mmCIF file of all heavy atoms, coordinates in Angstrom:
data_MODEL
# 
_entry.id   MODEL 
# 
loop_
_atom_site.group_PDB 
_atom_site.id 
_atom_site.type_symbol 
_atom_site.label_atom_id 
_atom_site.label_alt_id 
_atom_site.label_comp_id 
_atom_site.label_asym_id 
_atom_site.label_entity_id 
_atom_site.label_seq_id 
_atom_site.pdbx_PDB_ins_code 
_atom_site.Cartn_x 
_atom_site.Cartn_y 
_atom_site.Cartn_z 
_atom_site.occupancy 
_atom_site.B_iso_or_equiv 
_atom_site.pdbx_formal_charge 
_atom_site.auth_seq_id 
_atom_site.auth_comp_id 
_atom_site.auth_asym_id 
_atom_site.auth_atom_id 
_atom_site.pdbx_PDB_model_num 
ATOM 1   N N   . PHE A 1 1  ? 76.962  -60.077 -103.847 1.00 0.00 ? 1  PHE A N   1 
ATOM 2   C CA  . PHE A 1 1  ? 78.152  -60.014 -102.993 1.00 0.00 ? 1  PHE A CA  1 
ATOM 3   C C   . PHE A 1 1  ? 79.407  -59.863 -103.847 1.00 0.00 ? 1  PHE A C   1 
ATOM 4   O O   . PHE A 1 1  ? 80.287  -59.033 -103.550 1.00 0.00 ? 1  PHE A O   1 
ATOM 5   C CB  . PHE A 1 1  ? 78.213  -61.282 -102.138 1.00 0.00 ? 1  PHE A CB  1 
ATOM 6   C CG  . PHE A 1 1  ? 79.417  -61.388 -101.244 1.00 0.00 ? 1  PHE A CG  1 
ATOM 7   C CD1 . PHE A 1 1  ? 79.352  -60.979 -99.929  1.00 0.00 ? 1  PHE A CD1 1 
ATOM 8   C CD2 . PHE A 1 1  ? 80.616  -61.903 -101.710 1.00 0.00 ? 1  PHE A CD2 1 
ATOM 9   C CE1 . PHE A 1 1  ? 80.453  -61.075 -99.089  1.00 0.00 ? 1  PHE A CE1 1 
ATOM 10  C CE2 . PHE A 1 1  ? 81.723  -62.012 -100.889 1.00 0.00 ? 1  PHE A CE2 1 
ATOM 11  C CZ  . PHE A 1 1  ? 81.635  -61.591 -99.579  1.00 0.00 ? 1  PHE A CZ  1 
ATOM 12  N N   . ILE A 1 2  ? 79.523  -60.652 -104.899 1.00 0.00 ? 2  ILE A N   1 
ATOM 13  C CA  . ILE A 1 2  ? 80.733  -60.641 -105.726 1.00 0.00 ? 2  ILE A CA  1 
ATOM 14  C C   . ILE A 1 2  ? 80.824  -59.362 -106.552 1.00 0.00 ? 2  ILE A C   1 
ATOM 15  O O   . ILE A 1 2  ? 81.837  -58.659 -106.533 1.00 0.00 ? 2  ILE A O   1 
ATOM 16  C CB  . ILE A 1 2  ? 80.748  -61.881 -106.647 1.00 0.00 ? 2  ILE A CB  1 
ATOM 17  C CG1 . ILE A 1 2  ? 80.897  -63.161 -105.827 1.00 0.00 ? 2  ILE A CG1 1 
ATOM 18  C CG2 . ILE A 1 2  ? 81.868  -61.780 -107.682 1.00 0.00 ? 2  ILE A CG2 1 
ATOM 19  C CD1 . ILE A 1 2  ? 80.720  -64.434 -106.632 1.00 0.00 ? 2  ILE A CD1 1 
ATOM 20  N N   . HIS A 1 3  ? 79.765  -59.061 -107.300 1.00 0.00 ? 3  HIS A N   1 
ATOM 21  C CA  . HIS A 1 3  ? 79.838  -57.968 -108.274 1.00 0.00 ? 3  HIS A CA  1 
ATOM 22  C C   . HIS A 1 3  ? 79.946  -56.608 -107.603 1.00 0.00 ? 3  HIS A C   1 
ATOM 23  O O   . HIS A 1 3  ? 80.757  -55.764 -107.991 1.00 0.00 ? 3  HIS A O   1 
ATOM 24  C CB  . HIS A 1 3  ? 78.600  -58.020 -109.185 1.00 0.00 ? 3  HIS A CB  1 
ATOM 25  C CG  . HIS A 1 3  ? 78.618  -56.983 -110.264 1.00 0.00 ? 3  HIS A CG  1 
ATOM 26  N ND1 . HIS A 1 3  ? 77.939  -55.783 -110.156 1.00 0.00 ? 3  HIS A ND1 1 
ATOM 27  C CD2 . HIS A 1 3  ? 79.247  -56.943 -111.476 1.00 0.00 ? 3  HIS A CD2 1 
ATOM 28  C CE1 . HIS A 1 3  ? 78.132  -55.063 -111.235 1.00 0.00 ? 3  HIS A CE1 1 
ATOM 29  N NE2 . HIS A 1 3  ? 78.915  -55.742 -112.058 1.00 0.00 ? 3  HIS A NE2 1 
ATOM 30  N N   . THR A 1 4  ? 79.128  -56.384 -106.582 1.00 0.00 ? 4  THR A N   1 
ATOM 31  C CA  . THR A 1 4  ? 79.122  -55.070 -105.939 1.00 0.00 ? 4  THR A CA  1 
ATOM 32  C C   . THR A 1 4  ? 80.428  -54.782 -105.215 1.00 0.00 ? 4  THR A C   1 
ATOM 33  O O   . THR A 1 4  ? 80.913  -53.648 -105.219 1.00 0.00 ? 4  THR A O   1 
ATOM 34  C CB  . THR A 1 4  ? 77.957  -54.990 -104.938 1.00 0.00 ? 4  THR A CB  1 
ATOM 35  O OG1 . THR A 1 4  ? 76.742  -55.284 -105.616 1.00 0.00 ? 4  THR A OG1 1 
ATOM 36  C CG2 . THR A 1 4  ? 77.875  -53.610 -104.315 1.00 0.00 ? 4  THR A CG2 1 
ATOM 37  N N   . THR A 1 5  ? 81.014  -55.796 -104.619 1.00 0.00 ? 5  THR A N   1 
ATOM 38  C CA  . THR A 1 5  ? 82.198  -55.583 -103.782 1.00 0.00 ? 5  THR A CA  1 
ATOM 39  C C   . THR A 1 5  ? 83.490  -55.511 -104.603 1.00 0.00 ? 5  THR A C   1 
ATOM 40  O O   . THR A 1 5  ? 84.347  -54.651 -104.334 1.00 0.00 ? 5  THR A O   1 
ATOM 41  C CB  . THR A 1 5  ? 82.319  -56.715 -102.743 1.00 0.00 ? 5  THR A CB  1 
ATOM 42  O OG1 . THR A 1 5  ? 81.100  -56.811 -102.012 1.00 0.00 ? 5  THR A OG1 1 
ATOM 43  C CG2 . THR A 1 5  ? 83.473  -56.458 -101.797 1.00 0.00 ? 5  THR A CG2 1 
ATOM 44  N N   . PHE A 1 6  ? 83.628  -56.353 -105.598 1.00 0.00 ? 6  PHE A N   1 
ATOM 45  C CA  . PHE A 1 6  ? 84.931  -56.510 -106.247 1.00 0.00 ? 6  PHE A CA  1 
ATOM 46  C C   . PHE A 1 6  ? 85.018  -55.923 -107.644 1.00 0.00 ? 6  PHE A C   1 
ATOM 47  O O   . PHE A 1 6  ? 86.124  -55.727 -108.152 1.00 0.00 ? 6  PHE A O   1 
ATOM 48  C CB  . PHE A 1 6  ? 85.293  -57.994 -106.297 1.00 0.00 ? 6  PHE A CB  1 
ATOM 49  C CG  . PHE A 1 6  ? 85.361  -58.643 -104.944 1.00 0.00 ? 6  PHE A CG  1 
ATOM 50  C CD1 . PHE A 1 6  ? 84.456  -59.619 -104.577 1.00 0.00 ? 6  PHE A CD1 1 
ATOM 51  C CD2 . PHE A 1 6  ? 86.314  -58.255 -104.026 1.00 0.00 ? 6  PHE A CD2 1 
ATOM 52  C CE1 . PHE A 1 6  ? 84.509  -60.206 -103.333 1.00 0.00 ? 6  PHE A CE1 1 
ATOM 53  C CE2 . PHE A 1 6  ? 86.374  -58.832 -102.770 1.00 0.00 ? 6  PHE A CE2 1 
ATOM 54  C CZ  . PHE A 1 6  ? 85.466  -59.817 -102.420 1.00 0.00 ? 6  PHE A CZ  1 
ATOM 55  N N   . PHE A 1 7  ? 83.911  -55.625 -108.282 1.00 0.00 ? 7  PHE A N   1 
ATOM 56  C CA  . PHE A 1 7  ? 83.957  -55.119 -109.641 1.00 0.00 ? 7  PHE A CA  1 
ATOM 57  C C   . PHE A 1 7  ? 83.414  -53.697 -109.699 1.00 0.00 ? 7  PHE A C   1 
ATOM 58  O O   . PHE A 1 7  ? 82.893  -53.179 -108.717 1.00 0.00 ? 7  PHE A O   1 
ATOM 59  C CB  . PHE A 1 7  ? 83.176  -56.050 -110.573 1.00 0.00 ? 7  PHE A CB  1 
ATOM 60  C CG  . PHE A 1 7  ? 83.814  -57.406 -110.715 1.00 0.00 ? 7  PHE A CG  1 
ATOM 61  C CD1 . PHE A 1 7  ? 83.421  -58.454 -109.893 1.00 0.00 ? 7  PHE A CD1 1 
ATOM 62  C CD2 . PHE A 1 7  ? 84.823  -57.619 -111.640 1.00 0.00 ? 7  PHE A CD2 1 
ATOM 63  C CE1 . PHE A 1 7  ? 84.006  -59.706 -110.004 1.00 0.00 ? 7  PHE A CE1 1 
ATOM 64  C CE2 . PHE A 1 7  ? 85.417  -58.876 -111.761 1.00 0.00 ? 7  PHE A CE2 1 
ATOM 65  C CZ  . PHE A 1 7  ? 85.013  -59.911 -110.941 1.00 0.00 ? 7  PHE A CZ  1 
ATOM 66  N N   . GLY A 1 8  ? 83.528  -53.084 -110.866 1.00 0.00 ? 8  GLY A N   1 
ATOM 67  C CA  . GLY A 1 8  ? 83.123  -51.705 -111.021 1.00 0.00 ? 8  GLY A CA  1 
ATOM 68  C C   . GLY A 1 8  ? 84.302  -50.761 -110.811 1.00 0.00 ? 8  GLY A C   1 
ATOM 69  O O   . GLY A 1 8  ? 85.438  -51.173 -110.550 1.00 0.00 ? 8  GLY A O   1 
ATOM 70  N N   . PRO A 1 9  ? 84.051  -49.461 -110.877 1.00 0.00 ? 9  PRO A N   1 
ATOM 71  C CA  . PRO A 1 9  ? 85.131  -48.485 -110.689 1.00 0.00 ? 9  PRO A CA  1 
ATOM 72  C C   . PRO A 1 9  ? 85.587  -48.436 -109.233 1.00 0.00 ? 9  PRO A C   1 
ATOM 73  O O   . PRO A 1 9  ? 84.832  -48.791 -108.328 1.00 0.00 ? 9  PRO A O   1 
ATOM 74  C CB  . PRO A 1 9  ? 84.474  -47.170 -111.106 1.00 0.00 ? 9  PRO A CB  1 
ATOM 75  C CG  . PRO A 1 9  ? 83.011  -47.377 -110.841 1.00 0.00 ? 9  PRO A CG  1 
ATOM 76  C CD  . PRO A 1 9  ? 82.754  -48.823 -111.152 1.00 0.00 ? 9  PRO A CD  1 
ATOM 77  N N   . PRO A 1 10 ? 86.810  -48.005 -108.978 1.00 0.00 ? 10 PRO A N   1 
ATOM 78  C CA  . PRO A 1 10 ? 87.279  -47.879 -107.593 1.00 0.00 ? 10 PRO A CA  1 
ATOM 79  C C   . PRO A 1 10 ? 86.391  -46.928 -106.795 1.00 0.00 ? 10 PRO A C   1 
ATOM 80  O O   . PRO A 1 10 ? 85.915  -45.910 -107.303 1.00 0.00 ? 10 PRO A O   1 
ATOM 81  C CB  . PRO A 1 10 ? 88.698  -47.323 -107.746 1.00 0.00 ? 10 PRO A CB  1 
ATOM 82  C CG  . PRO A 1 10 ? 89.107  -47.710 -109.123 1.00 0.00 ? 10 PRO A CG  1 
ATOM 83  C CD  . PRO A 1 10 ? 87.857  -47.672 -109.951 1.00 0.00 ? 10 PRO A CD  1 
ATOM 84  N N   . SER A 1 11 ? 86.159  -47.273 -105.553 1.00 0.00 ? 11 SER A N   1 
ATOM 85  C CA  . SER A 1 11 ? 85.280  -46.474 -104.706 1.00 0.00 ? 11 SER A CA  1 
ATOM 86  C C   . SER A 1 11 ? 85.949  -45.164 -104.315 1.00 0.00 ? 11 SER A C   1 
ATOM 87  O O   . SER A 1 11 ? 87.162  -45.097 -104.077 1.00 0.00 ? 11 SER A O   1 
ATOM 88  C CB  . SER A 1 11 ? 84.914  -47.262 -103.448 1.00 0.00 ? 11 SER A CB  1 
ATOM 89  O OG  . SER A 1 11 ? 84.158  -46.461 -102.567 1.00 0.00 ? 11 SER A OG  1 
ATOM 90  N N   . THR A 1 12 ? 85.137  -44.108 -104.237 1.00 0.00 ? 12 THR A N   1 
ATOM 91  C CA  . THR A 1 12 ? 85.626  -42.795 -103.783 1.00 0.00 ? 12 THR A CA  1 
ATOM 92  C C   . THR A 1 12 ? 85.097  -42.456 -102.392 1.00 0.00 ? 12 THR A C   1 
ATOM 93  O O   . THR A 1 12 ? 85.317  -41.342 -101.915 1.00 0.00 ? 12 THR A O   1 
ATOM 94  C CB  . THR A 1 12 ? 85.181  -41.710 -104.777 1.00 0.00 ? 12 THR A CB  1 
ATOM 95  O OG1 . THR A 1 12 ? 83.745  -41.717 -104.875 1.00 0.00 ? 12 THR A OG1 1 
ATOM 96  C CG2 . THR A 1 12 ? 85.776  -41.961 -106.162 1.00 0.00 ? 12 THR A CG2 1 
ATOM 97  N N   . GLU A 1 13 ? 84.431  -43.393 -101.748 1.00 0.00 ? 13 GLU A N   1 
ATOM 98  C CA  . GLU A 1 13 ? 83.812  -43.116 -100.452 1.00 0.00 ? 13 GLU A CA  1 
ATOM 99  C C   . GLU A 1 13 ? 84.548  -43.762 -99.286  1.00 0.00 ? 13 GLU A C   1 
ATOM 100 O O   . GLU A 1 13 ? 84.079  -43.683 -98.154  1.00 0.00 ? 13 GLU A O   1 
ATOM 101 C CB  . GLU A 1 13 ? 82.363  -43.603 -100.451 1.00 0.00 ? 13 GLU A CB  1 
ATOM 102 C CG  . GLU A 1 13 ? 81.493  -42.936 -101.499 1.00 0.00 ? 13 GLU A CG  1 
ATOM 103 C CD  . GLU A 1 13 ? 80.043  -43.340 -101.376 1.00 0.00 ? 13 GLU A CD  1 
ATOM 104 O OE1 . GLU A 1 13 ? 79.560  -43.402 -100.219 1.00 0.00 ? 13 GLU A OE1 1 
ATOM 105 O OE2 . GLU A 1 13 ? 79.399  -43.616 -102.396 1.00 0.00 ? 13 GLU A OE2 1 
ATOM 106 N N   . LEU A 1 14 ? 85.664  -44.408 -99.540  1.00 0.00 ? 14 LEU A N   1 
ATOM 107 C CA  . LEU A 1 14 ? 86.413  -45.057 -98.476  1.00 0.00 ? 14 LEU A CA  1 
ATOM 108 C C   . LEU A 1 14 ? 87.409  -44.088 -97.859  1.00 0.00 ? 14 LEU A C   1 
ATOM 109 O O   . LEU A 1 14 ? 87.932  -43.181 -98.526  1.00 0.00 ? 14 LEU A O   1 
ATOM 110 C CB  . LEU A 1 14 ? 87.146  -46.294 -99.016  1.00 0.00 ? 14 LEU A CB  1 
ATOM 111 C CG  . LEU A 1 14 ? 86.265  -47.401 -99.601  1.00 0.00 ? 14 LEU A CG  1 
ATOM 112 C CD1 . LEU A 1 14 ? 87.122  -48.529 -100.154 1.00 0.00 ? 14 LEU A CD1 1 
ATOM 113 C CD2 . LEU A 1 14 ? 85.301  -47.938 -98.540  1.00 0.00 ? 14 LEU A CD2 1 
ATOM 114 N N   . ASP A 1 15 ? 87.695  -44.295 -96.570  1.00 0.00 ? 15 ASP A N   1 
ATOM 115 C CA  . ASP A 1 15 ? 88.616  -43.414 -95.855  1.00 0.00 ? 15 ASP A CA  1 
ATOM 116 C C   . ASP A 1 15 ? 90.076  -43.785 -96.072  1.00 0.00 ? 15 ASP A C   1 
ATOM 117 O O   . ASP A 1 15 ? 90.962  -43.043 -95.645  1.00 0.00 ? 15 ASP A O   1 
ATOM 118 C CB  . ASP A 1 15 ? 88.307  -43.461 -94.345  1.00 0.00 ? 15 ASP A CB  1 
ATOM 119 C CG  . ASP A 1 15 ? 86.909  -42.973 -94.039  1.00 0.00 ? 15 ASP A CG  1 
ATOM 120 O OD1 . ASP A 1 15 ? 86.393  -42.144 -94.814  1.00 0.00 ? 15 ASP A OD1 1 
ATOM 121 O OD2 . ASP A 1 15 ? 86.317  -43.436 -93.039  1.00 0.00 ? 15 ASP A OD2 1 
ATOM 122 N N   . ARG A 1 16 ? 90.321  -44.915 -96.679  1.00 0.00 ? 16 ARG A N   1 
ATOM 123 C CA  . ARG A 1 16 ? 91.691  -45.367 -96.888  1.00 0.00 ? 16 ARG A CA  1 
ATOM 124 C C   . ARG A 1 16 ? 91.783  -46.118 -98.205  1.00 0.00 ? 16 ARG A C   1 
ATOM 125 O O   . ARG A 1 16 ? 90.759  -46.487 -98.779  1.00 0.00 ? 16 ARG A O   1 
ATOM 126 C CB  . ARG A 1 16 ? 92.131  -46.272 -95.735  1.00 0.00 ? 16 ARG A CB  1 
ATOM 127 C CG  . ARG A 1 16 ? 91.366  -47.583 -95.693  1.00 0.00 ? 16 ARG A CG  1 
ATOM 128 C CD  . ARG A 1 16 ? 91.638  -48.370 -94.432  1.00 0.00 ? 16 ARG A CD  1 
ATOM 129 N NE  . ARG A 1 16 ? 90.945  -47.810 -93.276  1.00 0.00 ? 16 ARG A NE  1 
ATOM 130 C CZ  . ARG A 1 16 ? 90.800  -48.435 -92.118  1.00 0.00 ? 16 ARG A CZ  1 
ATOM 131 N NH1 . ARG A 1 16 ? 91.321  -49.651 -91.968  1.00 0.00 ? 16 ARG A NH1 1 
ATOM 132 N NH2 . ARG A 1 16 ? 90.162  -47.876 -91.118  1.00 0.00 ? 16 ARG A NH2 1 
ATOM 133 N N   . VAL A 1 17 ? 93.013  -46.336 -98.642  1.00 0.00 ? 17 VAL A N   1 
ATOM 134 C CA  . VAL A 1 17 ? 93.237  -47.114 -99.863  1.00 0.00 ? 17 VAL A CA  1 
ATOM 135 C C   . VAL A 1 17 ? 93.340  -48.580 -99.473  1.00 0.00 ? 17 VAL A C   1 
ATOM 136 O O   . VAL A 1 17 ? 94.218  -48.960 -98.689  1.00 0.00 ? 17 VAL A O   1 
ATOM 137 C CB  . VAL A 1 17 ? 94.523  -46.664 -100.585 1.00 0.00 ? 17 VAL A CB  1 
ATOM 138 C CG1 . VAL A 1 17 ? 94.762  -47.524 -101.832 1.00 0.00 ? 17 VAL A CG1 1 
ATOM 139 C CG2 . VAL A 1 17 ? 94.417  -45.192 -100.973 1.00 0.00 ? 17 VAL A CG2 1 
ATOM 140 N N   . PRO A 1 18 ? 92.453  -49.441 -99.969  1.00 0.00 ? 18 PRO A N   1 
ATOM 141 C CA  . PRO A 1 18 ? 92.501  -50.858 -99.584  1.00 0.00 ? 18 PRO A CA  1 
ATOM 142 C C   . PRO A 1 18 ? 93.773  -51.528 -100.079 1.00 0.00 ? 18 PRO A C   1 
ATOM 143 O O   . PRO A 1 18 ? 94.383  -51.106 -101.078 1.00 0.00 ? 18 PRO A O   1 
ATOM 144 C CB  . PRO A 1 18 ? 91.260  -51.451 -100.269 1.00 0.00 ? 18 PRO A CB  1 
ATOM 145 C CG  . PRO A 1 18 ? 90.415  -50.293 -100.647 1.00 0.00 ? 18 PRO A CG  1 
ATOM 146 C CD  . PRO A 1 18 ? 91.341  -49.153 -100.888 1.00 0.00 ? 18 PRO A CD  1 
ATOM 147 N N   . HIS A 1 19 ? 94.161  -52.569 -99.374  1.00 0.00 ? 19 HIS A N   1 
ATOM 148 C CA  . HIS A 1 19 ? 95.327  -53.354 -99.794  1.00 0.00 ? 19 HIS A CA  1 
ATOM 149 C C   . HIS A 1 19 ? 95.193  -54.753 -99.223  1.00 0.00 ? 19 HIS A C   1 
ATOM 150 O O   . HIS A 1 19 ? 94.352  -55.014 -98.356  1.00 0.00 ? 19 HIS A O   1 
ATOM 151 C CB  . HIS A 1 19 ? 96.622  -52.696 -99.325  1.00 0.00 ? 19 HIS A CB  1 
ATOM 152 C CG  . HIS A 1 19 ? 96.685  -52.468 -97.837  1.00 0.00 ? 19 HIS A CG  1 
ATOM 153 N ND1 . HIS A 1 19 ? 97.028  -53.449 -96.931  1.00 0.00 ? 19 HIS A ND1 1 
ATOM 154 C CD2 . HIS A 1 19 ? 96.402  -51.356 -97.089  1.00 0.00 ? 19 HIS A CD2 1 
ATOM 155 C CE1 . HIS A 1 19 ? 96.968  -52.971 -95.702  1.00 0.00 ? 19 HIS A CE1 1 
ATOM 156 N NE2 . HIS A 1 19 ? 96.587  -51.696 -95.770  1.00 0.00 ? 19 HIS A NE2 1 
ATOM 157 N N   . GLU A 1 20 ? 96.035  -55.649 -99.711  1.00 0.00 ? 20 GLU A N   1 
ATOM 158 C CA  . GLU A 1 20 ? 96.001  -57.027 -99.224  1.00 0.00 ? 20 GLU A CA  1 
ATOM 159 C C   . GLU A 1 20 ? 96.392  -57.090 -97.749  1.00 0.00 ? 20 GLU A C   1 
ATOM 160 O O   . GLU A 1 20 ? 97.237  -56.320 -97.292  1.00 0.00 ? 20 GLU A O   1 
ATOM 161 C CB  . GLU A 1 20 ? 96.960  -57.902 -100.037 1.00 0.00 ? 20 GLU A CB  1 
ATOM 162 C CG  . GLU A 1 20 ? 96.489  -58.218 -101.444 1.00 0.00 ? 20 GLU A CG  1 
ATOM 163 C CD  . GLU A 1 20 ? 95.340  -59.217 -101.467 1.00 0.00 ? 20 GLU A CD  1 
ATOM 164 O OE1 . GLU A 1 20 ? 94.925  -59.680 -100.390 1.00 0.00 ? 20 GLU A OE1 1 
ATOM 165 O OE2 . GLU A 1 20 ? 94.855  -59.518 -102.564 1.00 0.00 ? 20 GLU A OE2 1 
ATOM 166 N N   . PRO A 1 21 ? 95.789  -58.003 -97.001  1.00 0.00 ? 21 PRO A N   1 
ATOM 167 C CA  . PRO A 1 21 ? 96.129  -58.129 -95.578  1.00 0.00 ? 21 PRO A CA  1 
ATOM 168 C C   . PRO A 1 21 ? 97.448  -58.870 -95.404  1.00 0.00 ? 21 PRO A C   1 
ATOM 169 O O   . PRO A 1 21 ? 97.981  -59.452 -96.368  1.00 0.00 ? 21 PRO A O   1 
ATOM 170 C CB  . PRO A 1 21 ? 94.963  -58.956 -95.033  1.00 0.00 ? 21 PRO A CB  1 
ATOM 171 C CG  . PRO A 1 21 ? 94.597  -59.836 -96.174  1.00 0.00 ? 21 PRO A CG  1 
ATOM 172 C CD  . PRO A 1 21 ? 94.776  -58.992 -97.414  1.00 0.00 ? 21 PRO A CD  1 
ATOM 173 N N   . PRO A 1 22 ? 97.986  -58.891 -94.184  1.00 0.00 ? 22 PRO A N   1 
ATOM 174 C CA  . PRO A 1 22 ? 99.155  -59.743 -93.918  1.00 0.00 ? 22 PRO A CA  1 
ATOM 175 C C   . PRO A 1 22 ? 98.838  -61.199 -94.226  1.00 0.00 ? 22 PRO A C   1 
ATOM 176 O O   . PRO A 1 22 ? 97.687  -61.643 -94.149  1.00 0.00 ? 22 PRO A O   1 
ATOM 177 C CB  . PRO A 1 22 ? 99.415  -59.531 -92.423  1.00 0.00 ? 22 PRO A CB  1 
ATOM 178 C CG  . PRO A 1 22 ? 98.781  -58.217 -92.108  1.00 0.00 ? 22 PRO A CG  1 
ATOM 179 C CD  . PRO A 1 22 ? 97.603  -58.089 -93.017  1.00 0.00 ? 22 PRO A CD  1 
ATOM 180 N N   . GLY A 1 23 ? 99.865  -61.948 -94.576  1.00 0.00 ? 23 GLY A N   1 
ATOM 181 C CA  . GLY A 1 23 ? 99.673  -63.325 -95.026  1.00 0.00 ? 23 GLY A CA  1 
ATOM 182 C C   . GLY A 1 23 ? 98.918  -64.192 -94.038  1.00 0.00 ? 23 GLY A C   1 
ATOM 183 O O   . GLY A 1 23 ? 98.027  -64.956 -94.425  1.00 0.00 ? 23 GLY A O   1 
ATOM 184 N N   . TRP A 1 24 ? 99.256  -64.075 -92.754  1.00 0.00 ? 24 TRP A N   1 
ATOM 185 C CA  . TRP A 1 24 ? 98.614  -64.959 -91.767  1.00 0.00 ? 24 TRP A CA  1 
ATOM 186 C C   . TRP A 1 24 ? 97.151  -64.609 -91.529  1.00 0.00 ? 24 TRP A C   1 
ATOM 187 O O   . TRP A 1 24 ? 96.383  -65.444 -91.056  1.00 0.00 ? 24 TRP A O   1 
ATOM 188 C CB  . TRP A 1 24 ? 99.384  -64.916 -90.456  1.00 0.00 ? 24 TRP A CB  1 
ATOM 189 C CG  . TRP A 1 24 ? 100.647 -65.712 -90.532  1.00 0.00 ? 24 TRP A CG  1 
ATOM 190 C CD1 . TRP A 1 24 ? 101.916 -65.243 -90.598  1.00 0.00 ? 24 TRP A CD1 1 
ATOM 191 C CD2 . TRP A 1 24 ? 100.734 -67.139 -90.597  1.00 0.00 ? 24 TRP A CD2 1 
ATOM 192 N NE1 . TRP A 1 24 ? 102.808 -66.276 -90.706  1.00 0.00 ? 24 TRP A NE1 1 
ATOM 193 C CE2 . TRP A 1 24 ? 102.117 -67.459 -90.697  1.00 0.00 ? 24 TRP A CE2 1 
ATOM 194 C CE3 . TRP A 1 24 ? 99.805  -68.172 -90.588  1.00 0.00 ? 24 TRP A CE3 1 
ATOM 195 C CZ2 . TRP A 1 24 ? 102.570 -68.765 -90.777  1.00 0.00 ? 24 TRP A CZ2 1 
ATOM 196 C CZ3 . TRP A 1 24 ? 100.263 -69.480 -90.665  1.00 0.00 ? 24 TRP A CZ3 1 
ATOM 197 C CH2 . TRP A 1 24 ? 101.625 -69.767 -90.759  1.00 0.00 ? 24 TRP A CH2 1 
ATOM 198 N N   . MET A 1 25 ? 96.743  -63.404 -91.869  1.00 0.00 ? 25 MET A N   1 
ATOM 199 C CA  . MET A 1 25 ? 95.324  -63.070 -91.767  1.00 0.00 ? 25 MET A CA  1 
ATOM 200 C C   . MET A 1 25 ? 94.524  -63.761 -92.867  1.00 0.00 ? 25 MET A C   1 
ATOM 201 O O   . MET A 1 25 ? 93.327  -64.026 -92.710  1.00 0.00 ? 25 MET A O   1 
ATOM 202 C CB  . MET A 1 25 ? 95.136  -61.550 -91.843  1.00 0.00 ? 25 MET A CB  1 
ATOM 203 C CG  . MET A 1 25 ? 93.697  -61.088 -91.622  1.00 0.00 ? 25 MET A CG  1 
ATOM 204 S SD  . MET A 1 25 ? 93.481  -59.294 -91.752  1.00 0.00 ? 25 MET A SD  1 
ATOM 205 C CE  . MET A 1 25 ? 94.321  -58.758 -90.280  1.00 0.00 ? 25 MET A CE  1 
ATOM 206 N N   . ARG A 1 26 ? 95.193  -64.050 -93.956  1.00 0.00 ? 26 ARG A N   1 
ATOM 207 C CA  . ARG A 1 26 ? 94.509  -64.657 -95.098  1.00 0.00 ? 26 ARG A CA  1 
ATOM 208 C C   . ARG A 1 26 ? 94.589  -66.182 -95.089  1.00 0.00 ? 26 ARG A C   1 
ATOM 209 O O   . ARG A 1 26 ? 93.845  -66.855 -95.816  1.00 0.00 ? 26 ARG A O   1 
ATOM 210 C CB  . ARG A 1 26 ? 95.124  -64.117 -96.386  1.00 0.00 ? 26 ARG A CB  1 
ATOM 211 C CG  . ARG A 1 26 ? 94.222  -64.154 -97.595  1.00 0.00 ? 26 ARG A CG  1 
ATOM 212 C CD  . ARG A 1 26 ? 94.865  -63.475 -98.791  1.00 0.00 ? 26 ARG A CD  1 
ATOM 213 N NE  . ARG A 1 26 ? 96.195  -64.004 -99.061  1.00 0.00 ? 26 ARG A NE  1 
ATOM 214 C CZ  . ARG A 1 26 ? 97.286  -63.266 -99.244  1.00 0.00 ? 26 ARG A CZ  1 
ATOM 215 N NH1 . ARG A 1 26 ? 97.200  -61.953 -99.173  1.00 0.00 ? 26 ARG A NH1 1 
ATOM 216 N NH2 . ARG A 1 26 ? 98.462  -63.816 -99.480  1.00 0.00 ? 26 ARG A NH2 1 
ATOM 217 N N   . ARG A 1 27 ? 95.478  -66.772 -94.288  1.00 0.00 ? 27 ARG A N   1 
ATOM 218 C CA  . ARG A 1 27 ? 95.687  -68.228 -94.314  1.00 0.00 ? 27 ARG A CA  1 
ATOM 219 C C   . ARG A 1 27 ? 94.415  -69.031 -94.022  1.00 0.00 ? 27 ARG A C   1 
ATOM 220 O O   . ARG A 1 27 ? 94.139  -70.014 -94.703  1.00 0.00 ? 27 ARG A O   1 
ATOM 221 C CB  . ARG A 1 27 ? 96.795  -68.621 -93.334  1.00 0.00 ? 27 ARG A CB  1 
ATOM 222 C CG  . ARG A 1 27 ? 98.173  -68.149 -93.703  1.00 0.00 ? 27 ARG A CG  1 
ATOM 223 C CD  . ARG A 1 27 ? 98.706  -68.812 -94.976  1.00 0.00 ? 27 ARG A CD  1 
ATOM 224 N NE  . ARG A 1 27 ? 100.034 -68.307 -95.268  1.00 0.00 ? 27 ARG A NE  1 
ATOM 225 C CZ  . ARG A 1 27 ? 100.283 -67.271 -96.069  1.00 0.00 ? 27 ARG A CZ  1 
ATOM 226 N NH1 . ARG A 1 27 ? 99.276  -66.643 -96.668  1.00 0.00 ? 27 ARG A NH1 1 
ATOM 227 N NH2 . ARG A 1 27 ? 101.506 -66.856 -96.290  1.00 0.00 ? 27 ARG A NH2 1 
# 
């Protein structure tokens, strides 16, 4: 779960550029 999702080269198969969510979504 940790290594595959968060490490390695940036993915080229996503439809958008990921970014941090709004603060209250992360609280």
